[in-house]
């Protein structure tokens, strides 16, 4: 697991993003990201962002293409995984490249529920 930064959607809704490294090598890594509804009410959508360290680049994501802005990689829910009851989770993942020998991993993640 890596450190987590969270943001909420207000009004009894909220979510967190956690991530774990699935694999890594000298110049890249794959991370699995989990979004959890931490609120007391169901949510109908979410947006989850991972901030890549300087020099790292997004090379792919799933289950859909992420939006990349600078070092931020953002995945939003799809129709089939946006509605989460309290405590339920949804997952997404991404692959990134990094300078050879750089062992840094993302440590800042955020989530917004709607």
Protein backbone atom coordinates (compact mmCIF):
# COMPACT_ATOMS: atom_id res chain seq x y z
CA UNK A 1 0.00 0.00 0.00
CA UNK A 2 0.99 3.61 -0.45
CA UNK A 3 0.07 6.77 1.41
CA UNK A 4 -3.38 8.18 0.67
CA UNK A 5 -4.79 11.68 0.38
CA UNK A 6 -8.59 11.79 0.44
CA UNK A 7 -11.28 14.27 -0.43
CA UNK A 8 -15.02 13.84 0.03
CA UNK A 9 -18.17 14.74 -1.77
CA UNK A 10 -20.05 16.16 1.22
CA UNK A 11 -23.59 15.45 2.42
CA UNK A 12 -22.86 12.00 3.87
CA UNK A 13 -20.95 10.90 0.81
CA UNK A 14 -17.23 10.44 0.56
CA UNK A 15 -14.59 8.13 -0.78
CA UNK A 16 -10.97 7.15 -0.38
CA UNK A 17 -8.42 5.92 -2.86
CA UNK A 18 -5.80 3.33 -1.94
CA UNK A 19 -3.25 1.77 -4.24
CA UNK A 20 -0.91 -1.19 -4.33
CA UNK A 21 1.97 -2.02 -6.63
CA UNK A 22 1.16 -5.00 -8.85
CA UNK A 23 4.61 -5.13 -10.42
CA UNK A 24 7.61 -2.91 -10.99
CA UNK A 25 10.88 -2.96 -12.89
CA UNK A 26 13.82 -0.61 -13.49
CA UNK A 27 11.89 1.87 -15.62
CA UNK A 28 8.22 1.31 -14.84
CA UNK A 29 5.43 -0.09 -12.67
CA UNK A 30 1.79 -1.16 -12.60
CA UNK A 31 -0.56 -0.04 -9.82
CA UNK A 32 -4.01 -1.32 -8.84
CA UNK A 33 -6.19 1.45 -7.39
CA UNK A 34 -9.23 0.85 -5.17
CA UNK A 35 -11.98 3.43 -4.59
CA UNK A 36 -14.02 2.88 -1.41
CA UNK A 37 -17.25 4.64 -0.45
CA UNK A 38 -16.47 5.80 3.09
CA UNK A 39 -19.65 7.82 3.51
CA UNK A 40 -22.91 6.93 5.18
CA UNK A 41 -24.91 7.26 1.95
CA UNK A 42 -24.66 5.61 -1.45
CA UNK A 43 -22.75 7.45 -4.16
CA UNK A 44 -23.66 7.51 -7.83
CA UNK A 45 -20.22 8.35 -9.20
CA UNK A 46 -16.59 8.96 -8.33
CA UNK A 47 -13.40 10.44 -9.67
CA UNK A 48 -10.02 9.11 -8.50
CA UNK A 49 -6.63 10.74 -9.14
CA UNK A 50 -3.07 9.49 -8.74
CA UNK A 51 -0.25 12.04 -8.88
CA UNK A 52 2.87 10.64 -10.53
CA UNK A 53 6.32 11.67 -9.30
CA UNK A 54 8.26 14.12 -11.46
CA UNK A 55 9.77 12.44 -14.51
CA UNK A 56 7.21 9.60 -14.56
CA UNK A 57 4.76 9.22 -17.44
CA UNK A 58 1.39 7.45 -17.76
CA UNK A 59 1.54 4.70 -20.40
CA UNK A 60 -1.88 3.05 -20.02
CA UNK A 61 -4.89 2.50 -17.79
CA UNK A 62 -7.99 0.36 -17.42
CA UNK A 63 -10.93 -0.26 -17.50
CA UNK A 64 -10.94 2.90 -19.66
CA UNK A 65 -8.44 5.52 -20.76
CA UNK A 66 -7.57 7.91 -17.94
CA UNK A 67 -7.40 11.68 -18.31
CA UNK A 68 -3.82 12.87 -17.89
CA UNK A 69 -3.05 16.47 -16.91
CA UNK A 70 0.58 17.11 -16.05
CA UNK A 71 1.48 14.49 -13.45
CA UNK A 72 -2.17 13.77 -12.52
CA UNK A 73 -3.81 10.60 -13.83
CA UNK A 74 -7.60 10.68 -13.27
CA UNK A 75 -10.06 7.84 -13.75
CA UNK A 76 -13.82 8.35 -13.45
CA UNK A 77 -16.43 5.70 -12.97
CA UNK A 78 -18.17 3.93 -15.80
CA UNK A 79 -21.90 3.20 -15.87
CA UNK A 80 -21.38 -0.26 -14.35
CA UNK A 81 -19.08 0.71 -11.41
CA UNK A 82 -20.18 4.18 -10.30
CA UNK A 83 -22.96 3.34 -7.85
CA UNK A 84 -21.37 2.27 -4.56
CA UNK A 85 -23.19 1.64 -1.29
CA UNK A 86 -21.33 2.55 1.92
CA UNK A 87 -18.27 0.31 2.23
CA UNK A 88 -18.38 -0.92 -1.38
CA UNK A 89 -15.37 -0.63 -3.68
CA UNK A 90 -14.49 -0.23 -7.35
CA UNK A 91 -11.06 -0.70 -8.94
CA UNK A 92 -8.97 0.70 -11.75
CA UNK A 93 -5.33 0.46 -12.68
CA UNK A 94 -2.54 2.13 -14.56
CA UNK A 95 0.96 1.60 -15.86
CA UNK A 96 3.67 4.25 -15.81
CA UNK A 97 7.23 4.62 -17.00
CA UNK A 98 10.00 6.23 -14.97
CA UNK A 99 13.67 7.06 -15.49
CA UNK A 100 15.80 3.92 -15.34
CA UNK A 101 16.89 3.28 -11.75
CA UNK A 102 14.35 5.72 -10.25
CA UNK A 103 12.49 3.71 -7.58
CA UNK A 104 9.93 6.38 -6.63
CA UNK A 105 6.22 5.49 -6.68
CA UNK A 106 3.12 7.71 -6.48
CA UNK A 107 2.21 8.60 -2.89
CA UNK A 108 -0.58 11.16 -3.43
CA UNK A 109 -4.05 9.96 -4.30
CA UNK A 110 -7.44 11.66 -4.07
CA UNK A 111 -11.07 10.75 -4.56
CA UNK A 112 -14.24 12.75 -5.02
CA UNK A 113 -17.71 11.21 -4.69
CA UNK A 114 -20.85 12.46 -6.38
